PDB file of N, CA and C in Angstrom:
ATOM      1  N   MET A   1       0.434  37.066   1.308  1.00  0.00           N
ATOM      2  CA  MET A   1       0.011  37.246  -0.056  1.00  0.00           C
ATOM      3  C   MET A   1      -1.274  36.463  -0.282  1.00  0.00           C
ATOM      4  N   GLY A   2      -2.223  37.053  -1.012  1.00  0.00           N
ATOM      5  CA  GLY A   2      -3.520  36.433  -1.249  1.00  0.00           C
ATOM      6  C   GLY A   2      -3.475  35.337  -2.293  1.00  0.00           C
ATOM      7  N   HIS A   3      -4.521  34.538  -2.284  1.00  0.00           N
ATOM      8  CA  HIS A   3      -4.672  33.459  -3.260  1.00  0.00           C
ATOM      9  C   HIS A   3      -5.145  34.064  -4.578  1.00  0.00           C
ATOM     10  N   TYR A   4      -4.523  33.689  -5.668  1.00  0.00           N
ATOM     11  CA  TYR A   4      -4.952  34.203  -6.970  1.00  0.00           C
ATOM     12  C   TYR A   4      -4.845  33.096  -8.001  1.00  0.00           C
ATOM     13  N   PHE A   5      -5.484  33.323  -9.139  1.00  0.00           N
ATOM     14  CA  PHE A   5      -5.436  32.369 -10.229  1.00  0.00           C
ATOM     15  C   PHE A   5      -5.455  33.143 -11.536  1.00  0.00           C
ATOM     16  N   LEU A   6      -5.035  32.499 -12.594  1.00  0.00           N
ATOM     17  CA  LEU A   6      -5.031  33.124 -13.908  1.00  0.00           C
ATOM     18  C   LEU A   6      -6.120  32.518 -14.772  1.00  0.00           C
ATOM     19  N   LEU A   7      -6.841  33.378 -15.452  1.00  0.00           N
ATOM     20  CA  LEU A   7      -7.846  32.945 -16.412  1.00  0.00           C
ATOM     21  C   LEU A   7      -7.202  33.040 -17.787  1.00  0.00           C
ATOM     22  N   PRO A   8      -7.229  31.967 -18.574  1.00  0.00           N
ATOM     23  CA  PRO A   8      -6.576  32.038 -19.887  1.00  0.00           C
ATOM     24  C   PRO A   8      -7.240  33.083 -20.787  1.00  0.00           C
ATOM     25  N   ASN A   9      -6.440  33.866 -21.488  1.00  0.00           N
ATOM     26  CA  ASN A   9      -6.959  34.910 -22.369  1.00  0.00           C
ATOM     27  C   ASN A   9      -7.922  34.351 -23.408  1.00  0.00           C
ATOM     28  N   GLU A  10      -7.651  33.126 -23.884  1.00  0.00           N
ATOM     29  CA  GLU A  10      -8.464  32.521 -24.941  1.00  0.00           C
ATOM     30  C   GLU A  10      -9.930  32.356 -24.539  1.00  0.00           C
ATOM     31  N   VAL A  11     -10.209  32.323 -23.245  1.00  0.00           N
ATOM     32  CA  VAL A  11     -11.576  32.133 -22.790  1.00  0.00           C
ATOM     33  C   VAL A  11     -12.483  33.263 -23.316  1.00  0.00           C
ATOM     34  N   PHE A  12     -11.886  34.420 -23.585  1.00  0.00           N
ATOM     35  CA  PHE A  12     -12.678  35.552 -24.055  1.00  0.00           C
ATOM     36  C   PHE A  12     -12.978  35.477 -25.550  1.00  0.00           C
ATOM     37  N   THR A  13     -12.432  34.486 -26.242  1.00  0.00           N
ATOM     38  CA  THR A  13     -12.724  34.296 -27.663  1.00  0.00           C
ATOM     39  C   THR A  13     -13.829  33.271 -27.880  1.00  0.00           C
ATOM     40  N   LEU A  14     -14.343  32.701 -26.800  1.00  0.00           N
ATOM     41  CA  LEU A  14     -15.303  31.607 -26.914  1.00  0.00           C
ATOM     42  C   LEU A  14     -16.761  32.035 -26.868  1.00  0.00           C
ATOM     43  N   GLY A  15     -17.019  33.315 -26.679  1.00  0.00           N
ATOM     44  CA  GLY A  15     -18.396  33.802 -26.656  1.00  0.00           C
ATOM     45  C   GLY A  15     -19.201  33.316 -25.457  1.00  0.00           C
ATOM     46  N   LEU A  16     -18.551  33.189 -24.310  1.00  0.00           N
ATOM     47  CA  LEU A  16     -19.257  32.733 -23.113  1.00  0.00           C
ATOM     48  C   LEU A  16     -20.187  33.824 -22.595  1.00  0.00           C
ATOM     49  N   SER A  17     -21.310  33.397 -22.024  1.00  0.00           N
ATOM     50  CA  SER A  17     -22.205  34.339 -21.357  1.00  0.00           C
ATOM     51  C   SER A  17     -21.554  34.749 -20.031  1.00  0.00           C
ATOM     52  N   PRO A  18     -22.019  35.852 -19.438  1.00  0.00           N
ATOM     53  CA  PRO A  18     -21.462  36.247 -18.135  1.00  0.00           C
ATOM     54  C   PRO A  18     -21.602  35.144 -17.080  1.00  0.00           C
ATOM     55  N   GLY A  19     -22.719  34.416 -17.102  1.00  0.00           N
ATOM     56  CA  GLY A  19     -22.923  33.328 -16.141  1.00  0.00           C
ATOM     57  C   GLY A  19     -21.952  32.173 -16.363  1.00  0.00           C
ATOM     58  N   GLU A  20     -21.753  31.787 -17.623  1.00  0.00           N
ATOM     59  CA  GLU A  20     -20.798  30.725 -17.931  1.00  0.00           C
ATOM     60  C   GLU A  20     -19.399  31.140 -17.485  1.00  0.00           C
ATOM     61  N   LEU A  21     -19.051  32.380 -17.770  1.00  0.00           N
ATOM     62  CA  LEU A  21     -17.725  32.886 -17.410  1.00  0.00           C
ATOM     63  C   LEU A  21     -17.537  32.886 -15.889  1.00  0.00           C
ATOM     64  N   SER A  22     -18.580  33.262 -15.166  1.00  0.00           N
ATOM     65  CA  SER A  22     -18.506  33.302 -13.712  1.00  0.00           C
ATOM     66  C   SER A  22     -18.302  31.903 -13.126  1.00  0.00           C
ATOM     67  N   VAL A  23     -19.073  30.920 -13.607  1.00  0.00           N
ATOM     68  CA  VAL A  23     -18.938  29.549 -13.105  1.00  0.00           C
ATOM     69  C   VAL A  23     -17.566  28.991 -13.490  1.00  0.00           C
ATOM     70  N   TYR A  24     -17.131  29.223 -14.716  1.00  0.00           N
ATOM     71  CA  TYR A  24     -15.820  28.745 -15.167  1.00  0.00           C
ATOM     72  C   TYR A  24     -14.703  29.364 -14.321  1.00  0.00           C
ATOM     73  N   ALA A  25     -14.796  30.667 -14.079  1.00  0.00           N
ATOM     74  CA  ALA A  25     -13.770  31.346 -13.268  1.00  0.00           C
ATOM     75  C   ALA A  25     -13.738  30.763 -11.855  1.00  0.00           C
ATOM     76  N   TYR A  26     -14.899  30.462 -11.281  1.00  0.00           N
ATOM     77  CA  TYR A  26     -14.898  29.888  -9.936  1.00  0.00           C
ATOM     78  C   TYR A  26     -14.266  28.493  -9.929  1.00  0.00           C
ATOM     79  N   LEU A  27     -14.565  27.686 -10.957  1.00  0.00           N
ATOM     80  CA  LEU A  27     -13.947  26.362 -11.040  1.00  0.00           C
ATOM     81  C   LEU A  27     -12.434  26.473 -11.209  1.00  0.00           C
ATOM     82  N   MET A  28     -11.993  27.457 -11.994  1.00  0.00           N
ATOM     83  CA  MET A  28     -10.549  27.680 -12.157  1.00  0.00           C
ATOM     84  C   MET A  28      -9.920  28.084 -10.817  1.00  0.00           C
ATOM     85  N   PHE A  29     -10.639  28.890 -10.049  1.00  0.00           N
ATOM     86  CA  PHE A  29     -10.172  29.316  -8.724  1.00  0.00           C
ATOM     87  C   PHE A  29      -9.986  28.112  -7.801  1.00  0.00           C
ATOM     88  N   CYS A  30     -10.911  27.141  -7.884  1.00  0.00           N
ATOM     89  CA  CYS A  30     -10.873  25.955  -7.013  1.00  0.00           C
ATOM     90  C   CYS A  30      -9.915  24.878  -7.508  1.00  0.00           C
ATOM     91  N   GLU A  31      -9.510  24.945  -8.748  1.00  0.00           N
ATOM     92  CA  GLU A  31      -8.749  23.886  -9.405  1.00  0.00           C
ATOM     93  C   GLU A  31      -7.427  23.565  -8.718  1.00  0.00           C
ATOM     94  N   ASP A  32      -7.131  22.276  -8.591  1.00  0.00           N
ATOM     95  CA  ASP A  32      -5.803  21.815  -8.179  1.00  0.00           C
ATOM     96  C   ASP A  32      -4.917  21.963  -9.412  1.00  0.00           C
ATOM     97  N   ARG A  33      -3.872  22.756  -9.334  1.00  0.00           N
ATOM     98  CA  ARG A  33      -3.050  23.094 -10.499  1.00  0.00           C
ATOM     99  C   ARG A  33      -2.285  21.905 -11.078  1.00  0.00           C
ATOM    100  N   GLU A  34      -2.144  20.848 -10.287  1.00  0.00           N
ATOM    101  CA  GLU A  34      -1.430  19.661 -10.787  1.00  0.00           C
ATOM    102  C   GLU A  34      -2.366  18.673 -11.467  1.00  0.00           C
ATOM    103  N   THR A  35      -3.553  18.451 -10.884  1.00  0.00           N
ATOM    104  CA  THR A  35      -4.482  17.461 -11.440  1.00  0.00           C
ATOM    105  C   THR A  35      -5.526  18.099 -12.355  1.00  0.00           C
ATOM    106  N   HIS A  36      -5.660  19.418 -12.288  1.00  0.00           N
ATOM    107  CA  HIS A  36      -6.672  20.175 -13.044  1.00  0.00           C
ATOM    108  C   HIS A  36      -8.088  19.763 -12.644  1.00  0.00           C
ATOM    109  N   GLN A  37      -8.244  19.322 -11.389  1.00  0.00           N
ATOM    110  CA  GLN A  37      -9.548  18.889 -10.915  1.00  0.00           C
ATOM    111  C   GLN A  37      -9.958  19.662  -9.667  1.00  0.00           C
ATOM    112  N   CYS A  38     -11.276  19.682  -9.437  1.00  0.00           N
ATOM    113  CA  CYS A  38     -11.825  20.258  -8.212  1.00  0.00           C
ATOM    114  C   CYS A  38     -13.205  19.631  -7.991  1.00  0.00           C
ATOM    115  N   TRP A  39     -13.755  19.798  -6.820  1.00  0.00           N
ATOM    116  CA  TRP A  39     -15.049  19.196  -6.529  1.00  0.00           C
ATOM    117  C   TRP A  39     -15.906  20.065  -5.620  1.00  0.00           C
ATOM    118  N   PRO A  40     -16.066  21.357  -5.936  1.00  0.00           N
ATOM    119  CA  PRO A  40     -16.973  22.172  -5.115  1.00  0.00           C
ATOM    120  C   PRO A  40     -18.417  21.716  -5.316  1.00  0.00           C
ATOM    121  N   SER A  41     -19.218  21.838  -4.268  1.00  0.00           N
ATOM    122  CA  SER A  41     -20.634  21.485  -4.390  1.00  0.00           C
ATOM    123  C   SER A  41     -21.351  22.562  -5.205  1.00  0.00           C
ATOM    124  N   ILE A  42     -22.509  22.183  -5.726  1.00  0.00           N
ATOM    125  CA  ILE A  42     -23.344  23.169  -6.436  1.00  0.00           C
ATOM    126  C   ILE A  42     -23.664  24.319  -5.477  1.00  0.00           C
ATOM    127  N   GLY A  43     -23.959  23.987  -4.227  1.00  0.00           N
ATOM    128  CA  GLY A  43     -24.268  25.019  -3.224  1.00  0.00           C
ATOM    129  C   GLY A  43     -23.120  25.993  -3.035  1.00  0.00           C
ATOM    130  N   ARG A  44     -21.895  25.484  -3.001  1.00  0.00           N
ATOM    131  CA  ARG A  44     -20.721  26.342  -2.839  1.00  0.00           C
ATOM    132  C   ARG A  44     -20.569  27.257  -4.058  1.00  0.00           C
ATOM    133  N   ILE A  45     -20.765  26.694  -5.253  1.00  0.00           N
ATOM    134  CA  ILE A  45     -20.670  27.520  -6.467  1.00  0.00           C
ATOM    135  C   ILE A  45     -21.751  28.601  -6.432  1.00  0.00           C
ATOM    136  N   CYS A  46     -22.954  28.241  -5.970  1.00  0.00           N
ATOM    137  CA  CYS A  46     -24.051  29.219  -5.839  1.00  0.00           C
ATOM    138  C   CYS A  46     -23.657  30.363  -4.898  1.00  0.00           C
ATOM    139  N   GLN A  47     -23.070  30.013  -3.760  1.00  0.00           N
ATOM    140  CA  GLN A  47     -22.652  31.029  -2.776  1.00  0.00           C
ATOM    141  C   GLN A  47     -21.683  32.024  -3.394  1.00  0.00           C
ATOM    142  N   HIS A  48     -20.751  31.536  -4.190  1.00  0.00           N
ATOM    143  CA  HIS A  48     -19.689  32.393  -4.710  1.00  0.00           C
ATOM    144  C   HIS A  48     -20.038  33.106  -6.003  1.00  0.00           C
ATOM    145  N   THR A  49     -21.097  32.659  -6.684  1.00  0.00           N
ATOM    146  CA  THR A  49     -21.479  33.315  -7.941  1.00  0.00           C
ATOM    147  C   THR A  49     -22.785  34.092  -7.822  1.00  0.00           C
ATOM    148  N   GLY A  50     -23.538  33.856  -6.735  1.00  0.00           N
ATOM    149  CA  GLY A  50     -24.811  34.545  -6.549  1.00  0.00           C
ATOM    150  C   GLY A  50     -25.922  34.005  -7.433  1.00  0.00           C
ATOM    151  N   MET A  51     -25.776  32.793  -7.937  1.00  0.00           N
ATOM    152  CA  MET A  51     -26.772  32.193  -8.825  1.00  0.00           C
ATOM    153  C   MET A  51     -27.522  31.082  -8.103  1.00  0.00           C
ATOM    154  N   SER A  52     -28.687  30.711  -8.649  1.00  0.00           N
ATOM    155  CA  SER A  52     -29.451  29.594  -8.096  1.00  0.00           C
ATOM    156  C   SER A  52     -28.827  28.270  -8.533  1.00  0.00           C
ATOM    157  N   ALA A  53     -29.222  27.206  -7.864  1.00  0.00           N
ATOM    158  CA  ALA A  53     -28.692  25.879  -8.187  1.00  0.00           C
ATOM    159  C   ALA A  53     -29.045  25.470  -9.615  1.00  0.00           C
ATOM    160  N   ASN A  54     -30.279  25.747 -10.049  1.00  0.00           N
ATOM    161  CA  ASN A  54     -30.674  25.389 -11.416  1.00  0.00           C
ATOM    162  C   ASN A  54     -29.851  26.154 -12.444  1.00  0.00           C
ATOM    163  N   THR A  55     -29.584  27.417 -12.167  1.00  0.00           N
ATOM    164  CA  THR A  55     -28.798  28.234 -13.095  1.00  0.00           C
ATOM    165  C   THR A  55     -27.363  27.737 -13.161  1.00  0.00           C
ATOM    166  N   VAL A  56     -26.779  27.427 -12.009  1.00  0.00           N
ATOM    167  CA  VAL A  56     -25.411  26.893 -11.984  1.00  0.00           C
ATOM    168  C   VAL A  56     -25.354  25.577 -12.755  1.00  0.00           C
ATOM    169  N   ALA A  57     -26.330  24.702 -12.534  1.00  0.00           N
ATOM    170  CA  ALA A  57     -26.355  23.409 -13.238  1.00  0.00           C
ATOM    171  C   ALA A  57     -26.446  23.625 -14.749  1.00  0.00           C
ATOM    172  N   LYS A  58     -27.239  24.596 -15.176  1.00  0.00           N
ATOM    173  CA  LYS A  58     -27.358  24.906 -16.607  1.00  0.00           C
ATOM    174  C   LYS A  58     -26.007  25.345 -17.176  1.00  0.00           C
ATOM    175  N   TYR A  59     -25.319  26.226 -16.461  1.00  0.00           N
ATOM    176  CA  TYR A  59     -24.029  26.715 -16.953  1.00  0.00           C
ATOM    177  C   TYR A  59     -22.969  25.622 -16.946  1.00  0.00           C
ATOM    178  N   ILE A  60     -23.038  24.709 -15.994  1.00  0.00           N
ATOM    179  CA  ILE A  60     -22.102  23.583 -15.976  1.00  0.00           C
ATOM    180  C   ILE A  60     -22.308  22.732 -17.227  1.00  0.00           C
ATOM    181  N   ARG A  61     -23.567  22.440 -17.569  1.00  0.00           N
ATOM    182  CA  ARG A  61     -23.850  21.670 -18.793  1.00  0.00           C
ATOM    183  C   ARG A  61     -23.316  22.394 -20.027  1.00  0.00           C
ATOM    184  N   GLN A  62     -23.505  23.720 -20.069  1.00  0.00           N
ATOM    185  CA  GLN A  62     -23.047  24.497 -21.226  1.00  0.00           C
ATOM    186  C   GLN A  62     -21.520  24.506 -21.315  1.00  0.00           C
ATOM    187  N   LEU A  63     -20.846  24.571 -20.181  1.00  0.00           N
ATOM    188  CA  LEU A  63     -19.378  24.529 -20.182  1.00  0.00           C
ATOM    189  C   LEU A  63     -18.879  23.166 -20.652  1.00  0.00           C
ATOM    190  N   GLU A  64     -19.619  22.114 -20.310  1.00  0.00           N
ATOM    191  CA  GLU A  64     -19.274  20.779 -20.810  1.00  0.00           C
ATOM    192  C   GLU A  64     -19.453  20.716 -22.329  1.00  0.00           C
ATOM    193  N   GLU A  65     -20.578  21.246 -22.811  1.00  0.00           N
ATOM    194  CA  GLU A  65     -20.854  21.244 -24.244  1.00  0.00           C
ATOM    195  C   GLU A  65     -19.791  22.015 -25.022  1.00  0.00           C
ATOM    196  N   LYS A  66     -19.257  23.050 -24.408  1.00  0.00           N
ATOM    197  CA  LYS A  66     -18.235  23.876 -25.063  1.00  0.00           C
ATOM    198  C   LYS A  66     -16.833  23.320 -24.861  1.00  0.00           C
ATOM    199  N   ARG A  67     -16.749  22.153 -24.235  1.00  0.00           N
ATOM    200  CA  ARG A  67     -15.496  21.412 -24.034  1.00  0.00           C
ATOM    201  C   ARG A  67     -14.504  22.104 -23.106  1.00  0.00           C
ATOM    202  N   LEU A  68     -15.025  22.918 -22.180  1.00  0.00           N
ATOM    203  CA  LEU A  68     -14.151  23.578 -21.213  1.00  0.00           C
ATOM    204  C   LEU A  68     -13.918  22.716 -19.973  1.00  0.00           C
ATOM    205  N   ILE A  69     -14.926  21.908 -19.637  1.00  0.00           N
ATOM    206  CA  ILE A  69     -14.820  21.062 -18.447  1.00  0.00           C
ATOM    207  C   ILE A  69     -15.405  19.685 -18.735  1.00  0.00           C
ATOM    208  N   ASP A  70     -15.003  18.722 -17.925  1.00  0.00           N
ATOM    209  CA  ASP A  70     -15.646  17.412 -17.859  1.00  0.00           C
ATOM    210  C   ASP A  70     -16.153  17.254 -16.441  1.00  0.00           C
ATOM    211  N   THR A  71     -17.273  16.552 -16.269  1.00  0.00           N
ATOM    212  CA  THR A  71     -17.771  16.280 -14.926  1.00  0.00           C
ATOM    213  C   THR A  71     -17.922  14.776 -14.749  1.00  0.00           C
ATOM    214  N   GLU A  72     -17.794  14.365 -13.504  1.00  0.00           N
ATOM    215  CA  GLU A  72     -17.905  12.950 -13.178  1.00  0.00           C
ATOM    216  C   GLU A  72     -18.573  12.855 -11.809  1.00  0.00           C
ATOM    217  N   PRO A  73     -19.646  12.058 -11.696  1.00  0.00           N
ATOM    218  CA  PRO A  73     -20.273  11.896 -10.381  1.00  0.00           C
ATOM    219  C   PRO A  73     -19.350  11.145  -9.424  1.00  0.00           C
ATOM    220  N   THR A  74     -19.463  11.449  -8.158  1.00  0.00           N
ATOM    221  CA  THR A  74     -18.668  10.745  -7.139  1.00  0.00           C
ATOM    222  C   THR A  74     -19.613  10.131  -6.114  1.00  0.00           C
ATOM    223  N   LYS A  75     -19.121   9.203  -5.349  1.00  0.00           N
ATOM    224  CA  LYS A  75     -19.883   8.557  -4.271  1.00  0.00           C
ATOM    225  C   LYS A  75     -19.141   8.780  -2.959  1.00  0.00           C
ATOM    226  N   VAL A  76     -19.905   8.916  -1.886  1.00  0.00           N
ATOM    227  CA  VAL A  76     -19.320   9.027  -0.551  1.00  0.00           C
ATOM    228  C   VAL A  76     -19.992   7.997   0.351  1.00  0.00           C
ATOM    229  N   LYS A  77     -19.265   7.569   1.360  1.00  0.00           N
ATOM    230  CA  LYS A  77     -19.796   6.607   2.317  1.00  0.00           C
ATOM    231  C   LYS A  77     -20.042   7.342   3.636  1.00  0.00           C
ATOM    232  N   THR A  78     -21.255   7.257   4.136  1.00  0.00           N
ATOM    233  CA  THR A  78     -21.592   7.927   5.393  1.00  0.00           C
ATOM    234  C   THR A  78     -21.018   7.126   6.563  1.00  0.00           C
ATOM    235  N   LYS A  79     -21.061   7.733   7.758  1.00  0.00           N
ATOM    236  CA  LYS A  79     -20.576   7.046   8.963  1.00  0.00           C
ATOM    237  C   LYS A  79     -21.382   5.777   9.213  1.00  0.00           C
ATOM    238  N   ALA A  80     -22.643   5.802   8.775  1.00  0.00           N
ATOM    239  CA  ALA A  80     -23.508   4.629   8.957  1.00  0.00           C
ATOM    240  C   ALA A  80     -23.241   3.564   7.892  1.00  0.00           C
ATOM    241  N   GLY A  81     -22.333   3.851   6.974  1.00  0.00           N
ATOM    242  CA  GLY A  81     -21.976   2.874   5.955  1.00  0.00           C
ATOM    243  C   GLY A  81     -22.808   2.941   4.685  1.00  0.00           C
ATOM    244  N   LEU A  82     -23.693   3.926   4.605  1.00  0.00           N
ATOM    245  CA  LEU A  82     -24.525   4.081   3.410  1.00  0.00           C
ATOM    246  C   LEU A  82     -23.738   4.799   2.318  1.00  0.00           C
ATOM    247  N   VAL A  83     -23.979   4.415   1.088  1.00  0.00           N
ATOM    248  CA  VAL A  83     -23.328   5.070  -0.051  1.00  0.00           C
ATOM    249  C   VAL A  83     -24.283   6.120  -0.603  1.00  0.00           C
ATOM    250  N   ARG A  84     -23.802   7.325  -0.717  1.00  0.00           N
ATOM    251  CA  ARG A  84     -24.597   8.456  -1.220  1.00  0.00           C
ATOM    252  C   ARG A  84     -23.868   9.118  -2.381  1.00  0.00           C
ATOM    253  N   ASN A  85     -24.625   9.886  -3.156  1.00  0.00           N
ATOM    254  CA  ASN A  85     -23.995  10.684  -4.207  1.00  0.00           C
ATOM    255  C   ASN A  85     -23.167  11.789  -3.567  1.00  0.00           C
ATOM    256  N   GLY A  86     -21.975  11.998  -4.109  1.00  0.00           N
ATOM    257  CA  GLY A  86     -21.119  13.080  -3.637  1.00  0.00           C
ATOM    258  C   GLY A  86     -21.202  14.258  -4.597  1.00  0.00           C
ATOM    259  N   ASN A  87     -20.279  15.173  -4.461  1.00  0.00           N
ATOM    260  CA  ASN A  87     -20.201  16.307  -5.378  1.00  0.00           C
ATOM    261  C   ASN A  87     -19.708  15.827  -6.737  1.00  0.00           C
ATOM    262  N   LEU A  88     -19.961  16.621  -7.750  1.00  0.00           N
ATOM    263  CA  LEU A  88     -19.375  16.332  -9.048  1.00  0.00           C
ATOM    264  C   LEU A  88     -17.874  16.586  -8.975  1.00  0.00           C
ATOM    265  N   LEU A  89     -17.121  15.771  -9.680  1.00  0.00           N
ATOM    266  CA  LEU A  89     -15.688  16.007  -9.842  1.00  0.00           C
ATOM    267  C   LEU A  89     -15.527  16.734 -11.172  1.00  0.00           C
ATOM    268  N   TYR A  90     -14.973  17.926 -11.131  1.00  0.00           N
ATOM    269  CA  TYR A  90     -14.777  18.743 -12.332  1.00  0.00           C
ATOM    270  C   TYR A  90     -13.335  18.622 -12.785  1.00  0.00           C
ATOM    271  N   THR A  91     -13.148  18.410 -14.071  1.00  0.00           N
ATOM    272  CA  THR A  91     -11.812  18.425 -14.659  1.00  0.00           C
ATOM    273  C   THR A  91     -11.779  19.569 -15.658  1.00  0.00           C
ATOM    274  N   ILE A  92     -10.852  20.498 -15.452  1.00  0.00           N
ATOM    275  CA  ILE A  92     -10.689  21.627 -16.363  1.00  0.00           C
ATOM    276  C   ILE A  92      -9.881  21.132 -17.557  1.00  0.00           C
ATOM    277  N   ARG A  93     -10.490  21.217 -18.733  1.00  0.00           N
ATOM    278  CA  ARG A  93      -9.820  20.731 -19.947  1.00  0.00           C
ATOM    279  C   ARG A  93      -8.871  21.805 -20.485  1.00  0.00           C
ATOM    280  N   PRO A  94      -7.883  21.399 -21.270  1.00  0.00           N
ATOM    281  CA  PRO A  94      -6.986  22.398 -21.876  1.00  0.00           C
ATOM    282  C   PRO A  94      -7.787  23.394 -22.731  1.00  0.00           C
ATOM    283  N   ILE A  95      -7.524  24.667 -22.553  1.00  0.00           N
ATOM    284  CA  ILE A  95      -8.289  25.718 -23.223  1.00  0.00           C
ATOM    285  C   ILE A  95      -8.224  25.576 -24.744  1.00  0.00           C
ATOM    286  N   GLN A  96      -7.102  25.096 -25.263  1.00  0.00           N
ATOM    287  CA  GLN A  96      -6.958  24.981 -26.714  1.00  0.00           C
ATOM    288  C   GLN A  96      -7.969  24.002 -27.305  1.00  0.00           C
ATOM    289  N   GLU A  97      -8.360  22.985 -26.547  1.00  0.00           N
ATOM    290  CA  GLU A  97      -9.385  22.048 -27.022  1.00  0.00           C
ATOM    291  C   GLU A  97     -10.711  22.767 -27.239  1.00  0.00           C
ATOM    292  N   ALA A  98     -11.075  23.639 -26.320  1.00  0.00           N
ATOM    293  CA  ALA A  98     -12.321  24.396 -26.452  1.00  0.00           C
ATOM    294  C   ALA A  98     -12.245  25.380 -27.612  1.00  0.00           C
ATOM    295  N   VAL A  99     -11.091  26.018 -27.785  1.00  0.00           N
ATOM    296  CA  VAL A  99     -10.901  26.965 -28.892  1.00  0.00           C
ATOM    297  C   VAL A  99     -11.024  26.222 -30.223  1.00  0.00           C
ATOM    298  N   ASN A 100     -10.353  25.074 -30.340  1.00  0.00           N
ATOM    299  CA  ASN A 100     -10.421  24.289 -31.572  1.00  0.00           C
ATOM    300  C   ASN A 100     -11.843  23.820 -31.856  1.00  0.00           C
ATOM    301  N   TYR A 101     -12.548  23.382 -30.816  1.00  0.00           N
ATOM    302  CA  TYR A 101     -13.929  22.920 -30.976  1.00  0.00           C
ATOM    303  C   TYR A 101     -14.815  24.045 -31.493  1.00  0.00           C
ATOM    304  N   LYS A 102     -14.661  25.245 -30.924  1.00  0.00           N
ATOM    305  CA  LYS A 102     -15.468  26.387 -31.369  1.00  0.00           C
ATOM    306  C   LYS A 102     -15.151  26.745 -32.818  1.00  0.00           C
ATOM    307  N   LEU A 103     -13.878  26.745 -33.180  1.00  0.00           N
ATOM    308  CA  LEU A 103     -13.497  27.059 -34.556  1.00  0.00           C
ATOM    309  C   LEU A 103     -14.096  26.045 -35.535  1.00  0.00           C
ATOM    310  N   GLU A 104     -14.019  24.757 -35.199  1.00  0.00           N
ATOM    311  CA  GLU A 104     -14.592  23.724 -36.067  1.00  0.00           C
ATOM    312  C   GLU A 104     -16.102  23.895 -36.196  1.00  0.00           C
ATOM    313  N   LYS A 105     -16.750  24.201 -35.079  1.00  0.00           N
ATOM    314  CA  LYS A 105     -18.200  24.399 -35.079  1.00  0.00           C
ATOM    315  C   LYS A 105     -18.573  25.616 -35.927  1.00  0.00           C
ATOM    316  N   ASP A 106     -17.820  26.707 -35.768  1.00  0.00           N
ATOM    317  CA  ASP A 106     -18.080  27.921 -36.549  1.00  0.00           C
ATOM    318  C   ASP A 106     -17.866  27.671 -38.039  1.00  0.00           C
ATOM    319  N   LEU A 107     -16.812  26.932 -38.376  1.00  0.00           N
ATOM    320  CA  LEU A 107     -16.533  26.633 -39.781  1.00  0.00           C
ATOM    321  C   LEU A 107     -17.618  25.756 -40.399  1.00  0.00           C
ATOM    322  N   SER A 108     -18.099  24.798 -39.643  1.00  0.00           N
ATOM    323  CA  SER A 108     -19.129  23.905 -40.187  1.00  0.00           C
ATOM    324  C   SER A 108     -20.464  24.631 -40.371  1.00  0.00           C
ATOM    325  N   ALA A 109     -20.648  25.723 -39.665  1.00  0.00           N
ATOM    326  CA  ALA A 109     -21.893  26.491 -39.795  1.00  0.00           C
ATOM    327  C   ALA A 109     -21.876  27.429 -41.001  1.00  0.00           C
ATOM    328  N   LEU A 110     -20.710  27.638 -41.581  1.00  0.00           N
ATOM    329  CA  LEU A 110     -20.626  28.518 -42.747  1.00  0.00           C
ATOM    330  C   LEU A 110     -21.289  27.850 -43.943  1.00  0.00           C
ATOM    331  N   PRO A 111     -21.941  28.634 -44.801  1.00  0.00           N
ATOM    332  CA  PRO A 111     -22.559  28.035 -45.982  1.00  0.00           C
ATOM    333  C   PRO A 111     -21.487  27.510 -46.934  1.00  0.00           C
ATOM    334  N   ASN A 112     -21.804  26.396 -47.594  1.00  0.00           N
ATOM    335  CA  ASN A 112     -20.863  25.833 -48.568  1.00  0.00           C
ATOM    336  C   ASN A 112     -20.865  26.707 -49.813  1.00  0.00           C
ATOM    337  N   PRO A 113     -19.711  27.172 -50.241  1.00  0.00           N
ATOM    338  CA  PRO A 113     -19.684  27.958 -51.473  1.00  0.00           C
ATOM    339  C   PRO A 113     -19.973  27.043 -52.642  1.00  0.00           C
ATOM    340  N   LYS A 114     -20.864  27.503 -53.515  1.00  0.00           N
ATOM    341  CA  LYS A 114     -21.193  26.696 -54.687  1.00  0.00           C
ATOM    342  C   LYS A 114     -20.069  26.813 -55.690  1.00  0.00           C
ATOM    343  N   ARG A 115     -19.748  25.689 -56.227  1.00  0.00           N
ATOM    344  CA  ARG A 115     -18.697  25.700 -57.254  1.00  0.00           C
ATOM    345  C   ARG A 115     -19.317  26.240 -58.527  1.00  0.00           C
ATOM    346  N   THR A 116     -18.648  27.214 -59.057  1.00  0.00           N
ATOM    347  CA  THR A 116     -19.128  27.798 -60.315  1.00  0.00           C
ATOM    348  C   THR A 116     -18.053  27.638 -61.364  1.00  0.00           C
ATOM    349  N   ARG A 117     -18.522  27.392 -62.541  1.00  0.00           N
ATOM    350  CA  ARG A 117     -17.582  27.301 -63.645  1.00  0.00           C
ATOM    351  C   ARG A 117     -17.561  28.635 -64.357  1.00  0.00           C
ATOM    352  N   LYS A 118     -16.407  28.974 -64.813  1.00  0.00           N
ATOM    353  CA  LYS A 118     -16.297  30.198 -65.579  1.00  0.00           C
ATOM    354  C   LYS A 118     -16.939  29.976 -66.947  1.00  0.00           C
ATOM    355  N   ARG A 119     -17.737  30.929 -67.322  1.00  0.00           N
ATOM    356  CA  ARG A 119     -18.357  30.854 -68.651  1.00  0.00           C
ATOM    357  C   ARG A 119     -17.429  31.423 -69.683  1.00  0.00           C
ATOM    358  N   ARG A 120     -17.439  30.814 -70.836  1.00  0.00           N
ATOM    359  CA  ARG A 120     -16.576  31.311 -71.908  1.00  0.00           C
ATOM    360  C   ARG A 120     -17.380  31.994 -72.978  1.00  0.00           C
TER     361      ARG A 120
END
C-alpha cells in the first residue's frame, strides 16, 4: 500500500494561492504525525513542487504569516566539528488556528458601521 496523507478540508477556506497550497501539501506529506514536525530542505521542496528556491522561501513566509506553520532554524555539526546551519524545522500548526486568524483578520477589515440615531 502506498504512502498517503490527508489535507484538512479547511485549508480550502483560507484563500491560499496554488503555490502556497503546493508547499503546504508537501510539508503535510513529510510531517511526522505524532510531533507535527518535518525538516525537508528547500532544495527537496523545490524538487517536489517544481518551484525555485526563492519562490519556495516566499511561500514558506506566507504560510507562516497565515499561521499554518512555524519554522525554526537548526544547526548541524560536520565531521570536522564545524557548526553549520541545517534545514529549517517546520511545525504544522492546528488548522483551526489558521482559520480563526483569517476570520479575525477578515472581520477587522470590515468597515465600522456608523451608529445612527433614529430621527423622530
